Amino acid sequence: MFHGFSKKGQEFLAKIEQNNNKEWFEAHRGEYEQYILAPCREFVTEMGEHLQALEPTINIVPKINGSLFKIYRDSRFHRVNPIKTRIGVIFWQGSGKRMASSSFYLHFSAKELFLAVGIRSFKPDMLKCYREYIKVDAHREALHVILQELTCKGYLIGEQRYKRYPKGFKEEMSYAYLSLHNSMFAYAQMKPNKTFFTKEFPNTAYEIYEDMFELQQWVYEMTLTLELQ
Protein backbone atom coordinates (compact mmCIF):
# COMPACT_ATOMS: atom_id res chain seq x y z
CA MET A 1 0.00 0.00 0.00
CA PHE A 2 1.23 3.47 -0.88
CA HIS A 3 1.69 5.75 2.13
CA GLY A 4 3.27 8.73 0.38
CA PHE A 5 6.69 9.53 -0.97
CA SER A 6 9.49 9.78 1.56
CA LYS A 7 11.04 13.01 2.83
CA LYS A 8 14.21 10.98 3.35
CA GLY A 9 14.02 10.15 -0.34
CA GLN A 10 14.00 13.84 -1.16
CA GLU A 11 17.00 14.34 1.11
CA PHE A 12 18.75 11.47 -0.68
CA LEU A 13 18.19 13.10 -4.08
CA ALA A 14 19.62 16.34 -2.75
CA LYS A 15 22.71 14.44 -1.59
CA ILE A 16 23.19 12.98 -5.07
CA GLU A 17 23.61 16.52 -6.39
CA GLN A 18 26.63 16.87 -4.10
CA ASN A 19 27.95 13.31 -4.57
CA ASN A 20 27.15 12.41 -8.15
CA ASN A 21 29.39 9.40 -8.66
CA LYS A 22 28.98 5.64 -8.80
CA GLU A 23 31.09 4.94 -5.72
CA TRP A 24 28.98 7.14 -3.44
CA PHE A 25 25.72 5.82 -4.83
CA GLU A 26 26.65 2.16 -4.45
CA ALA A 27 27.68 2.82 -0.85
CA HIS A 28 24.22 4.27 -0.24
CA ARG A 29 22.16 1.99 -2.48
CA GLY A 30 20.17 0.73 0.50
CA GLU A 31 18.79 4.24 1.06
CA TYR A 32 17.78 4.47 -2.60
CA GLU A 33 15.96 1.14 -2.45
CA GLN A 34 14.20 1.94 0.83
CA TYR A 35 13.31 5.60 0.44
CA ILE A 36 12.82 5.92 -3.32
CA LEU A 37 12.43 2.61 -5.14
CA ALA A 38 10.03 0.97 -2.66
CA PRO A 39 7.53 3.87 -2.49
CA CYS A 40 7.76 4.30 -6.28
CA ARG A 41 6.71 0.69 -6.79
CA GLU A 42 3.84 1.15 -4.37
CA PHE A 43 2.80 4.34 -6.14
CA VAL A 44 2.84 2.68 -9.56
CA THR A 45 0.55 -0.09 -8.32
CA GLU A 46 -1.97 2.24 -6.66
CA MET A 47 -1.85 5.02 -9.26
CA GLY A 48 -2.14 2.42 -11.98
CA GLU A 49 -5.43 1.19 -10.53
CA HIS A 50 -6.74 4.76 -10.59
CA LEU A 51 -5.68 5.24 -14.21
CA GLN A 52 -7.08 1.92 -15.39
CA ALA A 53 -10.44 3.07 -14.08
CA LEU A 54 -10.05 6.03 -16.43
CA GLU A 55 -8.56 4.03 -19.33
CA PRO A 56 -8.41 0.21 -19.00
CA THR A 57 -5.64 -0.26 -21.59
CA ILE A 58 -3.01 1.69 -19.62
CA ASN A 59 0.16 -0.33 -18.93
CA ILE A 60 1.20 -0.71 -15.29
CA VAL A 61 4.59 -2.35 -14.74
CA PRO A 62 5.98 -1.61 -11.24
CA LYS A 63 9.61 -2.40 -12.01
CA ILE A 64 12.71 -0.87 -13.59
CA ASN A 65 12.46 -0.59 -17.41
CA GLY A 66 8.69 -0.80 -17.02
CA SER A 67 6.90 2.05 -15.30
CA LEU A 68 10.12 2.96 -13.47
CA PHE A 69 13.33 4.31 -14.93
CA LYS A 70 16.92 3.39 -14.16
CA ILE A 71 18.73 5.60 -11.67
CA TYR A 72 21.87 5.55 -13.81
CA ARG A 73 22.12 7.73 -16.88
CA ASP A 74 23.32 6.29 -20.20
CA SER A 75 27.09 6.07 -19.70
CA ARG A 76 27.70 6.76 -23.40
CA PHE A 77 26.54 10.33 -22.92
CA HIS A 78 26.93 11.00 -19.20
CA ARG A 79 30.41 10.12 -17.96
CA VAL A 80 30.15 13.13 -15.66
CA ASN A 81 27.17 13.12 -13.24
CA PRO A 82 26.14 9.54 -14.04
CA ILE A 83 23.33 9.41 -11.44
CA LYS A 84 19.91 10.91 -12.12
CA THR A 85 18.73 13.55 -9.65
CA ARG A 86 15.08 13.17 -10.61
CA ILE A 87 12.96 10.04 -10.49
CA GLY A 88 10.58 9.25 -13.34
CA VAL A 89 7.39 7.16 -13.46
CA ILE A 90 5.38 6.39 -16.61
CA PHE A 91 2.08 4.72 -17.47
CA TRP A 92 1.72 4.26 -21.23
CA GLN A 93 -1.18 3.20 -23.41
CA GLY A 94 -1.15 0.54 -26.08
CA SER A 95 1.40 -1.95 -27.35
CA GLY A 96 4.12 0.49 -28.40
CA LYS A 97 7.34 1.41 -26.63
CA ARG A 98 6.73 3.41 -23.48
CA MET A 99 8.48 6.63 -24.60
CA ALA A 100 6.84 6.52 -28.04
CA SER A 101 3.33 6.00 -26.67
CA SER A 102 0.78 8.42 -25.31
CA SER A 103 1.29 8.28 -21.58
CA PHE A 104 0.74 9.64 -18.11
CA TYR A 105 4.12 10.69 -16.78
CA LEU A 106 5.54 11.98 -13.50
CA HIS A 107 8.96 12.89 -12.21
CA PHE A 108 10.19 14.40 -8.99
CA SER A 109 13.45 15.75 -7.65
CA ALA A 110 14.49 17.39 -4.39
CA LYS A 111 12.87 20.62 -5.57
CA GLU A 112 10.38 19.79 -8.34
CA LEU A 113 7.25 17.79 -9.04
CA PHE A 114 6.25 17.43 -12.71
CA LEU A 115 3.16 15.67 -14.12
CA ALA A 116 2.39 15.38 -17.83
CA VAL A 117 0.41 13.52 -20.47
CA GLY A 118 1.06 12.90 -24.16
CA ILE A 119 4.41 12.35 -25.87
CA ARG A 120 7.31 14.62 -24.94
CA SER A 121 9.38 14.06 -28.10
CA PHE A 122 8.34 12.69 -31.49
CA LYS A 123 10.72 10.33 -33.28
CA PRO A 124 10.90 10.98 -37.07
CA ASP A 125 8.21 8.43 -37.94
CA MET A 126 5.88 9.78 -35.25
CA LEU A 127 6.50 13.38 -36.32
CA LYS A 128 5.53 12.42 -39.88
CA CYS A 129 2.42 10.66 -38.55
CA TYR A 130 1.48 13.69 -36.43
CA ARG A 131 1.79 16.07 -39.38
CA GLU A 132 -0.32 13.86 -41.60
CA TYR A 133 -2.94 13.55 -38.88
CA ILE A 134 -3.31 17.28 -38.35
CA LYS A 135 -3.70 17.94 -42.05
CA VAL A 136 -7.31 16.98 -41.36
CA ASP A 137 -9.15 20.16 -40.34
CA ALA A 138 -11.26 18.41 -37.70
CA HIS A 139 -8.18 16.94 -36.00
CA ARG A 140 -6.47 20.34 -35.82
CA GLU A 141 -9.58 22.01 -34.48
CA ALA A 142 -10.12 19.33 -31.82
CA LEU A 143 -6.51 19.62 -30.66
CA HIS A 144 -6.65 23.40 -30.58
CA VAL A 145 -9.79 23.35 -28.42
CA ILE A 146 -8.23 20.86 -25.99
CA LEU A 147 -5.07 22.95 -25.66
CA GLN A 148 -7.07 26.13 -25.10
CA GLU A 149 -9.09 24.49 -22.34
CA LEU A 150 -5.97 23.18 -20.62
CA THR A 151 -4.31 26.57 -20.82
CA CYS A 152 -7.37 28.19 -19.27
CA LYS A 153 -7.08 25.75 -16.36
CA GLY A 154 -3.49 26.82 -15.78
CA TYR A 155 -1.66 23.89 -17.38
CA LEU A 156 1.37 24.38 -19.60
CA ILE A 157 1.85 23.08 -23.15
CA GLY A 158 5.10 21.86 -24.68
CA GLU A 159 6.72 24.64 -26.68
CA GLN A 160 6.84 24.88 -30.45
CA ARG A 161 10.11 23.61 -31.95
CA TYR A 162 10.08 25.02 -35.48
CA LYS A 163 9.84 28.52 -36.93
CA ARG A 164 8.97 27.58 -40.50
CA TYR A 165 5.85 25.73 -41.51
CA PRO A 166 6.54 22.21 -42.82
CA LYS A 167 5.50 21.06 -46.26
CA GLY A 168 1.74 20.94 -46.61
CA PHE A 169 1.05 23.74 -44.11
CA LYS A 170 0.55 27.46 -44.64
CA GLU A 171 0.08 30.31 -42.20
CA GLU A 172 -3.46 30.97 -43.40
CA MET A 173 -4.59 27.45 -42.49
CA SER A 174 -6.69 27.31 -39.34
CA TYR A 175 -4.53 26.48 -36.32
CA ALA A 176 -1.47 26.02 -38.53
CA TYR A 177 0.71 26.73 -35.50
CA LEU A 178 0.18 23.13 -34.43
CA SER A 179 2.48 21.98 -37.23
CA LEU A 180 5.39 23.78 -35.56
CA HIS A 181 5.47 21.27 -32.69
CA ASN A 182 7.71 18.21 -32.56
CA SER A 183 5.91 16.87 -29.49
CA MET A 184 2.48 17.12 -27.97
CA PHE A 185 2.08 17.16 -24.22
CA ALA A 186 0.63 19.20 -21.40
CA TYR A 187 2.12 19.45 -17.95
CA ALA A 188 1.89 20.82 -14.44
CA GLN A 189 5.06 21.86 -12.66
CA MET A 190 5.32 22.64 -8.95
CA LYS A 191 7.26 22.02 -5.77
CA PRO A 192 6.48 18.82 -3.84
CA ASN A 193 3.80 19.83 -1.33
CA LYS A 194 2.56 18.22 1.89
CA THR A 195 0.20 15.91 0.00
CA PHE A 196 3.15 14.44 -1.94
CA PHE A 197 4.28 12.79 1.29
CA THR A 198 0.90 11.29 2.16
CA LYS A 199 -1.31 8.44 0.95
CA GLU A 200 -3.60 11.07 -0.63
CA PHE A 201 -1.13 11.93 -3.38
CA PRO A 202 -2.55 9.46 -5.96
CA ASN A 203 -5.89 11.27 -5.66
CA THR A 204 -4.20 14.61 -6.31
CA ALA A 205 -2.31 13.21 -9.31
CA TYR A 206 -5.49 11.62 -10.64
CA GLU A 207 -7.32 14.96 -10.63
CA ILE A 208 -4.54 16.47 -12.74
CA TYR A 209 -4.43 13.52 -15.12
CA GLU A 210 -8.22 13.56 -15.44
CA ASP A 211 -8.05 17.22 -16.47
CA MET A 212 -5.51 16.29 -19.15
CA PHE A 213 -7.22 13.09 -20.26
CA GLU A 214 -8.67 14.46 -23.49
CA LEU A 215 -5.21 15.41 -24.72
CA GLN A 216 -3.78 12.04 -23.73
CA GLN A 217 -6.52 10.35 -25.72
CA TRP A 218 -6.11 12.65 -28.72
CA VAL A 219 -2.41 11.77 -28.87
CA TYR A 220 -3.18 8.08 -28.48
CA GLU A 221 -5.67 8.13 -31.33
CA MET A 222 -3.10 9.88 -33.48
CA THR A 223 -0.52 7.15 -32.77
CA LEU A 224 -2.98 4.47 -33.86
CA THR A 225 -2.81 5.81 -37.42
CA LEU A 226 0.93 5.04 -37.45
CA GLU A 227 0.22 1.42 -36.51
CA LEU A 228 -2.13 1.17 -39.49
CA GLN A 229 0.49 2.36 -41.97
C-alpha atoms as a PDB file:
ATOM      1  CA  MET A   1       0.000   0.000   0.000  1.00  0.00           C
ATOM      2  CA  PHE A   2       1.233   3.468  -0.879  1.00  0.00           C
ATOM      3  CA  HIS A   3       1.692   5.754   2.132  1.00  0.00           C
ATOM      4  CA  GLY A   4       3.272   8.731   0.376  1.00  0.00           C
ATOM      5  CA  PHE A   5       6.691   9.527  -0.972  1.00  0.00           C
ATOM      6  CA  SER A   6       9.488   9.781   1.560  1.00  0.00           C
ATOM      7  CA  LYS A   7      11.038  13.005   2.828  1.00  0.00           C
ATOM      8  CA  LYS A   8      14.209  10.985   3.347  1.00  0.00           C
ATOM      9  CA  GLY A   9      14.023  10.147  -0.337  1.00  0.00           C
ATOM     10  CA  GLN A  10      14.001  13.837  -1.160  1.00  0.00           C
ATOM     11  CA  GLU A  11      17.003  14.339   1.109  1.00  0.00           C
ATOM     12  CA  PHE A  12      18.746  11.466  -0.685  1.00  0.00           C
ATOM     13  CA  LEU A  13      18.186  13.102  -4.085  1.00  0.00           C
ATOM     14  CA  ALA A  14      19.624  16.345  -2.754  1.00  0.00           C
ATOM     15  CA  LYS A  15      22.710  14.436  -1.594  1.00  0.00           C
ATOM     16  CA  ILE A  16      23.192  12.976  -5.072  1.00  0.00           C
ATOM     17  CA  GLU A  17      23.606  16.520  -6.391  1.00  0.00           C
ATOM     18  CA  GLN A  18      26.631  16.872  -4.101  1.00  0.00           C
ATOM     19  CA  ASN A  19      27.951  13.309  -4.566  1.00  0.00           C
ATOM     20  CA  ASN A  20      27.154  12.408  -8.149  1.00  0.00           C
ATOM     21  CA  ASN A  21      29.391   9.398  -8.663  1.00  0.00           C
ATOM     22  CA  LYS A  22      28.978   5.636  -8.802  1.00  0.00           C
ATOM     23  CA  GLU A  23      31.090   4.942  -5.718  1.00  0.00           C
ATOM     24  CA  TRP A  24      28.979   7.138  -3.438  1.00  0.00           C
ATOM     25  CA  PHE A  25      25.724   5.818  -4.830  1.00  0.00           C
ATOM     26  CA  GLU A  26      26.651   2.161  -4.452  1.00  0.00           C
ATOM     27  CA  ALA A  27      27.682   2.821  -0.848  1.00  0.00           C
ATOM     28  CA  HIS A  28      24.216   4.273  -0.242  1.00  0.00           C
ATOM     29  CA  ARG A  29      22.158   1.993  -2.478  1.00  0.00           C
ATOM     30  CA  GLY A  30      20.169   0.730   0.496  1.00  0.00           C
ATOM     31  CA  GLU A  31      18.790   4.236   1.063  1.00  0.00           C
ATOM     32  CA  TYR A  32      17.778   4.467  -2.596  1.00  0.00           C
ATOM     33  CA  GLU A  33      15.963   1.138  -2.446  1.00  0.00           C
ATOM     34  CA  GLN A  34      14.196   1.940   0.831  1.00  0.00           C
ATOM     35  CA  TYR A  35      13.313   5.601   0.445  1.00  0.00           C
ATOM     36  CA  ILE A  36      12.823   5.919  -3.320  1.00  0.00           C
ATOM     37  CA  LEU A  37      12.429   2.610  -5.135  1.00  0.00           C
ATOM     38  CA  ALA A  38      10.031   0.965  -2.664  1.00  0.00           C
ATOM     39  CA  PRO A  39       7.527   3.866  -2.490  1.00  0.00           C
ATOM     40  CA  CYS A  40       7.765   4.298  -6.276  1.00  0.00           C
ATOM     41  CA  ARG A  41       6.710   0.692  -6.788  1.00  0.00           C
ATOM     42  CA  GLU A  42       3.836   1.148  -4.365  1.00  0.00           C
ATOM     43  CA  PHE A  43       2.803   4.339  -6.141  1.00  0.00           C
ATOM     44  CA  VAL A  44       2.835   2.676  -9.556  1.00  0.00           C
ATOM     45  CA  THR A  45       0.553  -0.087  -8.318  1.00  0.00           C
ATOM     46  CA  GLU A  46      -1.971   2.239  -6.664  1.00  0.00           C
ATOM     47  CA  MET A  47      -1.847   5.021  -9.259  1.00  0.00           C
ATOM     48  CA  GLY A  48      -2.139   2.421 -11.983  1.00  0.00           C
ATOM     49  CA  GLU A  49      -5.429   1.191 -10.530  1.00  0.00           C
ATOM     50  CA  HIS A  50      -6.738   4.760 -10.592  1.00  0.00           C
ATOM     51  CA  LEU A  51      -5.679   5.243 -14.206  1.00  0.00           C
ATOM     52  CA  GLN A  52      -7.078   1.925 -15.388  1.00  0.00           C
ATOM     53  CA  ALA A  53     -10.443   3.070 -14.085  1.00  0.00           C
ATOM     54  CA  LEU A  54     -10.051   6.029 -16.425  1.00  0.00           C
ATOM     55  CA  GLU A  55      -8.564   4.032 -19.327  1.00  0.00           C
ATOM     56  CA  PRO A  56      -8.413   0.206 -19.000  1.00  0.00           C
ATOM     57  CA  THR A  57      -5.638  -0.255 -21.588  1.00  0.00           C
ATOM     58  CA  ILE A  58      -3.007   1.685 -19.617  1.00  0.00           C
ATOM     59  CA  ASN A  59       0.160  -0.330 -18.930  1.00  0.00           C
ATOM     60  CA  ILE A  60       1.199  -0.711 -15.289  1.00  0.00           C
ATOM     61  CA  VAL A  61       4.590  -2.347 -14.745  1.00  0.00           C
ATOM     62  CA  PRO A  62       5.982  -1.607 -11.243  1.00  0.00           C
ATOM     63  CA  LYS A  63       9.612  -2.400 -12.011  1.00  0.00           C
ATOM     64  CA  ILE A  64      12.706  -0.867 -13.590  1.00  0.00           C
ATOM     65  CA  ASN A  65      12.458  -0.591 -17.414  1.00  0.00           C
ATOM     66  CA  GLY A  66       8.693  -0.799 -17.017  1.00  0.00           C
ATOM     67  CA  SER A  67       6.895   2.055 -15.298  1.00  0.00           C
ATOM     68  CA  LEU A  68      10.117   2.957 -13.465  1.00  0.00           C
ATOM     69  CA  PHE A  69      13.334   4.312 -14.932  1.00  0.00           C
ATOM     70  CA  LYS A  70      16.923   3.387 -14.155  1.00  0.00           C
ATOM     71  CA  ILE A  71      18.733   5.599 -11.670  1.00  0.00           C
ATOM     72  CA  TYR A  72      21.875   5.546 -13.808  1.00  0.00           C
ATOM     73  CA  ARG A  73      22.121   7.733 -16.880  1.00  0.00           C
ATOM     74  CA  ASP A  74      23.317   6.290 -20.198  1.00  0.00           C
ATOM     75  CA  SER A  75      27.091   6.068 -19.703  1.00  0.00           C
ATOM     76  CA  ARG A  76      27.697   6.757 -23.396  1.00  0.00           C
ATOM     77  CA  PHE A  77      26.538  10.330 -22.921  1.00  0.00           C
ATOM     78  CA  HIS A  78      26.932  11.002 -19.199  1.00  0.00           C
ATOM     79  CA  ARG A  79      30.406  10.117 -17.962  1.00  0.00           C
ATOM     80  CA  VAL A  80      30.155  13.129 -15.657  1.00  0.00           C
ATOM     81  CA  ASN A  81      27.169  13.125 -13.243  1.00  0.00           C
ATOM     82  CA  PRO A  82      26.138   9.538 -14.043  1.00  0.00           C
ATOM     83  CA  ILE A  83      23.331   9.410 -11.441  1.00  0.00           C
ATOM     84  CA  LYS A  84      19.913  10.915 -12.120  1.00  0.00           C
ATOM     85  CA  THR A  85      18.729  13.546  -9.651  1.00  0.00           C
ATOM     86  CA  ARG A  86      15.079  13.166 -10.606  1.00  0.00           C
ATOM     87  CA  ILE A  87      12.957  10.041 -10.489  1.00  0.00           C
ATOM     88  CA  GLY A  88      10.576   9.253 -13.341  1.00  0.00           C
ATOM     89  CA  VAL A  89       7.387   7.158 -13.461  1.00  0.00           C
ATOM     90  CA  ILE A  90       5.382   6.394 -16.607  1.00  0.00           C
ATOM     91  CA  PHE A  91       2.078   4.716 -17.472  1.00  0.00           C
ATOM     92  CA  TRP A  92       1.719   4.263 -21.227  1.00  0.00           C
ATOM     93  CA  GLN A  93      -1.183   3.204 -23.411  1.00  0.00           C
ATOM     94  CA  GLY A  94      -1.150   0.543 -26.077  1.00  0.00           C
ATOM     95  CA  SER A  95       1.403  -1.954 -27.347  1.00  0.00           C
ATOM     96  CA  GLY A  96       4.119   0.489 -28.399  1.00  0.00           C
ATOM     97  CA  LYS A  97       7.337   1.413 -26.629  1.00  0.00           C
ATOM     98  CA  ARG A  98       6.732   3.407 -23.484  1.00  0.00           C
ATOM     99  CA  MET A  99       8.483   6.634 -24.597  1.00  0.00           C
ATOM    100  CA  ALA A 100       6.840   6.520 -28.040  1.00  0.00           C
ATOM    101  CA  SER A 101       3.333   6.001 -26.669  1.00  0.00           C
ATOM    102  CA  SER A 102       0.777   8.418 -25.310  1.00  0.00           C
ATOM    103  CA  SER A 103       1.292   8.276 -21.582  1.00  0.00           C
ATOM    104  CA  PHE A 104       0.735   9.640 -18.112  1.00  0.00           C
ATOM    105  CA  TYR A 105       4.124  10.689 -16.775  1.00  0.00           C
ATOM    106  CA  LEU A 106       5.540  11.979 -13.504  1.00  0.00           C
ATOM    107  CA  HIS A 107       8.958  12.892 -12.207  1.00  0.00           C
ATOM    108  CA  PHE A 108      10.190  14.405  -8.987  1.00  0.00           C
ATOM    109  CA  SER A 109      13.451  15.750  -7.652  1.00  0.00           C
ATOM    110  CA  ALA A 110      14.490  17.387  -4.391  1.00  0.00           C
ATOM    111  CA  LYS A 111      12.867  20.620  -5.570  1.00  0.00           C
ATOM    112  CA  GLU A 112      10.382  19.793  -8.335  1.00  0.00           C
ATOM    113  CA  LEU A 113       7.253  17.788  -9.043  1.00  0.00           C
ATOM    114  CA  PHE A 114       6.250  17.426 -12.707  1.00  0.00           C
ATOM    115  CA  LEU A 115       3.158  15.668 -14.116  1.00  0.00           C
ATOM    116  CA  ALA A 116       2.394  15.385 -17.826  1.00  0.00           C
ATOM    117  CA  VAL A 117       0.407  13.524 -20.472  1.00  0.00           C
ATOM    118  CA  GLY A 118       1.062  12.901 -24.155  1.00  0.00           C
ATOM    119  CA  ILE A 119       4.409  12.348 -25.870  1.00  0.00           C
ATOM    120  CA  ARG A 120       7.305  14.618 -24.945  1.00  0.00           C
ATOM    121  CA  SER A 121       9.376  14.060 -28.096  1.00  0.00           C
ATOM    122  CA  PHE A 122       8.343  12.692 -31.494  1.00  0.00           C
ATOM    123  CA  LYS A 123      10.716  10.330 -33.277  1.00  0.00           C
ATOM    124  CA  PRO A 124      10.897  10.979 -37.067  1.00  0.00           C
ATOM    125  CA  ASP A 125       8.208   8.433 -37.942  1.00  0.00           C
ATOM    126  CA  MET A 126       5.881   9.778 -35.253  1.00  0.00           C
ATOM    127  CA  LEU A 127       6.496  13.376 -36.322  1.00  0.00           C
ATOM    128  CA  LYS A 128       5.533  12.424 -39.880  1.00  0.00           C
ATOM    129  CA  CYS A 129       2.423  10.663 -38.549  1.00  0.00           C
ATOM    130  CA  TYR A 130       1.475  13.693 -36.430  1.00  0.00           C
ATOM    131  CA  ARG A 131       1.790  16.070 -39.380  1.00  0.00           C
ATOM    132  CA  GLU A 132      -0.319  13.863 -41.597  1.00  0.00           C
ATOM    133  CA  TYR A 133      -2.944  13.546 -38.883  1.00  0.00           C
ATOM    134  CA  ILE A 134      -3.309  17.284 -38.346  1.00  0.00           C
ATOM    135  CA  LYS A 135      -3.704  17.936 -42.052  1.00  0.00           C
ATOM    136  CA  VAL A 136      -7.312  16.976 -41.365  1.00  0.00           C
ATOM    137  CA  ASP A 137      -9.149  20.157 -40.336  1.00  0.00           C
ATOM    138  CA  ALA A 138     -11.263  18.413 -37.698  1.00  0.00           C
ATOM    139  CA  HIS A 139      -8.183  16.944 -36.001  1.00  0.00           C
ATOM    140  CA  ARG A 140      -6.474  20.338 -35.819  1.00  0.00           C
ATOM    141  CA  GLU A 141      -9.581  22.008 -34.475  1.00  0.00           C
ATOM    142  CA  ALA A 142     -10.120  19.334 -31.823  1.00  0.00           C
ATOM    143  CA  LEU A 143      -6.511  19.618 -30.659  1.00  0.00           C
ATOM    144  CA  HIS A 144      -6.653  23.403 -30.581  1.00  0.00           C
ATOM    145  CA  VAL A 145      -9.789  23.352 -28.421  1.00  0.00           C
ATOM    146  CA  ILE A 146      -8.229  20.865 -25.995  1.00  0.00           C
ATOM    147  CA  LEU A 147      -5.068  22.954 -25.658  1.00  0.00           C
ATOM    148  CA  GLN A 148      -7.072  26.125 -25.104  1.00  0.00           C
ATOM    149  CA  GLU A 149      -9.093  24.487 -22.342  1.00  0.00           C
ATOM    150  CA  LEU A 150      -5.973  23.177 -20.622  1.00  0.00           C
ATOM    151  CA  THR A 151      -4.306  26.572 -20.823  1.00  0.00           C
ATOM    152  CA  CYS A 152      -7.368  28.190 -19.268  1.00  0.00           C
ATOM    153  CA  LYS A 153      -7.080  25.751 -16.365  1.00  0.00           C
ATOM    154  CA  GLY A 154      -3.494  26.816 -15.781  1.00  0.00           C
ATOM    155  CA  TYR A 155      -1.661  23.893 -17.384  1.00  0.00           C
ATOM    156  CA  LEU A 156       1.366  24.379 -19.604  1.00  0.00           C
ATOM    157  CA  ILE A 157       1.849  23.076 -23.154  1.00  0.00           C
ATOM    158  CA  GLY A 158       5.103  21.856 -24.677  1.00  0.00           C
ATOM    159  CA  GLU A 159       6.717  24.637 -26.682  1.00  0.00           C
ATOM    160  CA  GLN A 160       6.839  24.877 -30.451  1.00  0.00           C
ATOM    161  CA  ARG A 161      10.108  23.612 -31.948  1.00  0.00           C
ATOM    162  CA  TYR A 162      10.082  25.016 -35.477  1.00  0.00           C
ATOM    163  CA  LYS A 163       9.835  28.520 -36.926  1.00  0.00           C
ATOM    164  CA  ARG A 164       8.967  27.578 -40.501  1.00  0.00           C
ATOM    165  CA  TYR A 165       5.847  25.728 -41.508  1.00  0.00           C
ATOM    166  CA  PRO A 166       6.541  22.209 -42.821  1.00  0.00           C
ATOM    167  CA  LYS A 167       5.499  21.061 -46.263  1.00  0.00           C
ATOM    168  CA  GLY A 168       1.738  20.942 -46.608  1.00  0.00           C
ATOM    169  CA  PHE A 169       1.046  23.741 -44.114  1.00  0.00           C
ATOM    170  CA  LYS A 170       0.553  27.458 -44.639  1.00  0.00           C
ATOM    171  CA  GLU A 171       0.083  30.307 -42.201  1.00  0.00           C
ATOM    172  CA  GLU A 172      -3.456  30.973 -43.396  1.00  0.00           C
ATOM    173  CA  MET A 173      -4.593  27.449 -42.494  1.00  0.00           C
ATOM    174  CA  SER A 174      -6.688  27.308 -39.342  1.00  0.00           C
ATOM    175  CA  TYR A 175      -4.526  26.479 -36.323  1.00  0.00           C
ATOM    176  CA  ALA A 176      -1.475  26.018 -38.534  1.00  0.00           C
ATOM    177  CA  TYR A 177       0.715  26.734 -35.497  1.00  0.00           C
ATOM    178  CA  LEU A 178       0.177  23.131 -34.426  1.00  0.00           C
ATOM    179  CA  SER A 179       2.476  21.980 -37.233  1.00  0.00           C
ATOM    180  CA  LEU A 180       5.390  23.779 -35.556  1.00  0.00           C
ATOM    181  CA  HIS A 181       5.468  21.275 -32.692  1.00  0.00           C
ATOM    182  CA  ASN A 182       7.711  18.206 -32.561  1.00  0.00           C
ATOM    183  CA  SER A 183       5.911  16.868 -29.488  1.00  0.00           C
ATOM    184  CA  MET A 184       2.480  17.119 -27.968  1.00  0.00           C
ATOM    185  CA  PHE A 185       2.084  17.159 -24.224  1.00  0.00           C
ATOM    186  CA  ALA A 186       0.628  19.199 -21.398  1.00  0.00           C
ATOM    187  CA  TYR A 187       2.123  19.450 -17.945  1.00  0.00           C
ATOM    188  CA  ALA A 188       1.890  20.819 -14.436  1.00  0.00           C
ATOM    189  CA  GLN A 189       5.065  21.864 -12.657  1.00  0.00           C
ATOM    190  CA  MET A 190       5.316  22.635  -8.948  1.00  0.00           C
ATOM    191  CA  LYS A 191       7.258  22.024  -5.773  1.00  0.00           C
ATOM    192  CA  PRO A 192       6.483  18.823  -3.845  1.00  0.00           C
ATOM    193  CA  ASN A 193       3.804  19.835  -1.330  1.00  0.00           C
ATOM    194  CA  LYS A 194       2.559  18.223   1.888  1.00  0.00           C
ATOM    195  CA  THR A 195       0.203  15.915  -0.001  1.00  0.00           C
ATOM    196  CA  PHE A 196       3.145  14.443  -1.944  1.00  0.00           C
ATOM    197  CA  PHE A 197       4.284  12.793   1.290  1.00  0.00           C
ATOM    198  CA  THR A 198       0.900  11.291   2.163  1.00  0.00           C
ATOM    199  CA  LYS A 199      -1.313   8.444   0.953  1.00  0.00           C
ATOM    200  CA  GLU A 200      -3.600  11.067  -0.628  1.00  0.00           C
ATOM    201  CA  PHE A 201      -1.129  11.932  -3.378  1.00  0.00           C
ATOM    202  CA  PRO A 202      -2.553   9.464  -5.962  1.00  0.00           C
ATOM    203  CA  ASN A 203      -5.892  11.274  -5.665  1.00  0.00           C
ATOM    204  CA  THR A 204      -4.198  14.611  -6.310  1.00  0.00           C
ATOM    205  CA  ALA A 205      -2.314  13.210  -9.307  1.00  0.00           C
ATOM    206  CA  TYR A 206      -5.492  11.620 -10.638  1.00  0.00           C
ATOM    207  CA  GLU A 207      -7.315  14.957 -10.632  1.00  0.00           C
ATOM    208  CA  ILE A 208      -4.545  16.475 -12.736  1.00  0.00           C
ATOM    209  CA  TYR A 209      -4.425  13.525 -15.125  1.00  0.00           C
ATOM    210  CA  GLU A 210      -8.216  13.560 -15.440  1.00  0.00           C
ATOM    211  CA  ASP A 211      -8.053  17.222 -16.467  1.00  0.00           C
ATOM    212  CA  MET A 212      -5.514  16.288 -19.150  1.00  0.00           C
ATOM    213  CA  PHE A 213      -7.220  13.086 -20.262  1.00  0.00           C
ATOM    214  CA  GLU A 214      -8.672  14.457 -23.495  1.00  0.00           C
ATOM    215  CA  LEU A 215      -5.211  15.411 -24.715  1.00  0.00           C
ATOM    216  CA  GLN A 216      -3.779  12.041 -23.727  1.00  0.00           C
ATOM    217  CA  GLN A 217      -6.522  10.348 -25.718  1.00  0.00           C
ATOM    218  CA  TRP A 218      -6.105  12.650 -28.717  1.00  0.00           C
ATOM    219  CA  VAL A 219      -2.410  11.775 -28.872  1.00  0.00           C
ATOM    220  CA  TYR A 220      -3.179   8.077 -28.476  1.00  0.00           C
ATOM    221  CA  GLU A 221      -5.675   8.133 -31.328  1.00  0.00           C
ATOM    222  CA  MET A 222      -3.098   9.884 -33.478  1.00  0.00           C
ATOM    223  CA  THR A 223      -0.524   7.150 -32.771  1.00  0.00           C
ATOM    224  CA  LEU A 224      -2.983   4.466 -33.858  1.00  0.00           C
ATOM    225  CA  THR A 225      -2.807   5.810 -37.425  1.00  0.00           C
ATOM    226  CA  LEU A 226       0.929   5.040 -37.447  1.00  0.00           C
ATOM    227  CA  GLU A 227       0.216   1.421 -36.513  1.00  0.00           C
ATOM    228  CA  LEU A 228      -2.134   1.174 -39.492  1.00  0.00           C
ATOM    229  CA  GLN A 229       0.489   2.361 -41.974  1.00  0.00           C
END
